[in-house]
Amino acid sequence: MTAATVTTRFDGPIMAEENVNLTVSDGETFVSKLSKPEFCQITFAEDIATASIPISYTISGRTVTIYADSVTDKLMTVTVKGRL
């Protein structure tokens, strides 16, 4: 069995988590309450006709920008993890 390679290890203070439901269109942003958000998990929170829509995001400071091609006003659940 081959061991996995650790790409990023989040050492230090315990990670905090923020969970939000957002109505999002492609390219929209929201500001996290965490002082240093580090990564997100994003899922659609409503039934959508096309289940193969790629979702990505960027983090700049505390601002998270969500990219979901051709999505307009869809409910998403975003879990943000980072530092308090």
Protein backbone atom coordinates (compact mmCIF):
# COMPACT_ATOMS: atom_id res chain seq x y z
CA MET A 1 0.00 0.00 0.00
CA THR A 2 1.32 3.46 -0.94
CA ALA A 3 1.00 6.31 1.54
CA ALA A 4 -0.75 9.51 0.47
CA THR A 5 1.33 12.64 0.12
CA VAL A 6 0.38 15.46 2.50
CA THR A 7 -0.04 18.54 0.34
CA THR A 8 -1.12 21.00 3.03
CA ARG A 9 -1.25 20.52 6.78
CA PHE A 10 -3.21 23.04 8.81
CA ASP A 11 -1.29 23.13 12.08
CA GLY A 12 -1.67 25.64 14.86
CA PRO A 13 -4.87 26.87 16.45
CA ILE A 14 -7.99 24.80 15.99
CA MET A 15 -9.71 25.42 12.69
CA ALA A 16 -13.02 27.26 12.80
CA GLU A 17 -15.99 26.53 10.58
CA GLU A 18 -18.68 28.78 9.13
CA ASN A 19 -21.77 27.39 7.38
CA VAL A 20 -23.91 29.63 5.19
CA ASN A 21 -26.76 29.20 2.72
CA LEU A 22 -26.51 31.65 -0.16
CA THR A 23 -28.55 32.41 -3.24
CA VAL A 24 -25.74 32.69 -5.76
CA SER A 25 -25.19 33.59 -9.39
CA ASP A 26 -21.90 32.90 -11.19
CA GLY A 27 -19.10 35.21 -10.01
CA GLU A 28 -20.85 36.56 -6.90
CA THR A 29 -19.02 37.08 -3.62
CA PHE A 30 -19.63 37.05 0.11
CA VAL A 31 -17.47 38.09 3.07
CA SER A 32 -16.64 35.36 5.55
CA LYS A 33 -16.85 36.02 9.29
CA LEU A 34 -13.58 34.11 9.74
CA SER A 35 -10.46 36.27 9.96
CA LYS A 36 -8.53 33.95 7.63
CA PRO A 37 -10.67 31.61 5.50
CA GLU A 38 -8.50 28.88 3.97
CA PHE A 39 -10.81 26.57 2.01
CA CYS A 40 -14.47 25.94 1.16
CA GLN A 41 -16.82 23.11 0.39
CA ILE A 42 -19.72 24.19 -1.81
CA THR A 43 -22.81 22.17 -2.70
CA PHE A 44 -26.10 22.98 -4.37
CA ALA A 45 -28.86 23.09 -1.76
CA GLU A 46 -31.69 22.74 -4.27
CA ASP A 47 -32.53 20.39 -7.09
CA ILE A 48 -30.98 21.46 -10.39
CA ALA A 49 -31.70 20.10 -13.85
CA THR A 50 -28.03 19.77 -14.81
CA ALA A 51 -26.06 17.91 -12.17
CA SER A 52 -22.67 18.37 -13.87
CA ILE A 53 -22.10 22.07 -13.24
CA PRO A 54 -18.49 22.66 -12.14
CA ILE A 55 -18.15 24.84 -9.04
CA SER A 56 -14.97 26.63 -8.06
CA TYR A 57 -14.04 29.50 -5.77
CA THR A 58 -11.29 31.94 -4.94
CA ILE A 59 -10.45 33.49 -1.59
CA SER A 60 -8.97 36.97 -1.31
CA GLY A 61 -8.64 38.19 2.26
CA ARG A 62 -12.05 37.39 3.77
CA THR A 63 -13.93 37.57 0.45
CA VAL A 64 -15.02 34.31 -1.20
CA THR A 65 -15.97 34.45 -4.89
CA ILE A 66 -18.03 31.53 -6.20
CA TYR A 67 -17.86 30.46 -9.85
CA ALA A 68 -20.53 28.14 -11.23
CA ASP A 69 -20.87 28.33 -15.00
CA SER A 70 -24.26 29.67 -16.16
CA VAL A 71 -25.79 29.52 -12.67
CA THR A 72 -28.29 32.24 -11.77
CA ASP A 73 -29.95 32.61 -8.36
CA LYS A 74 -29.41 29.07 -7.07
CA LEU A 75 -29.32 28.12 -3.40
CA MET A 76 -25.93 26.80 -2.29
CA THR A 77 -24.57 25.67 1.03
CA VAL A 78 -21.02 26.88 1.67
CA THR A 79 -18.83 25.51 4.46
CA VAL A 80 -15.80 27.72 5.04
CA LYS A 81 -12.90 26.55 7.17
CA GLY A 82 -10.13 28.73 8.45
CA ARG A 83 -8.82 30.67 11.42
CA LEU A 84 -10.90 32.75 13.83
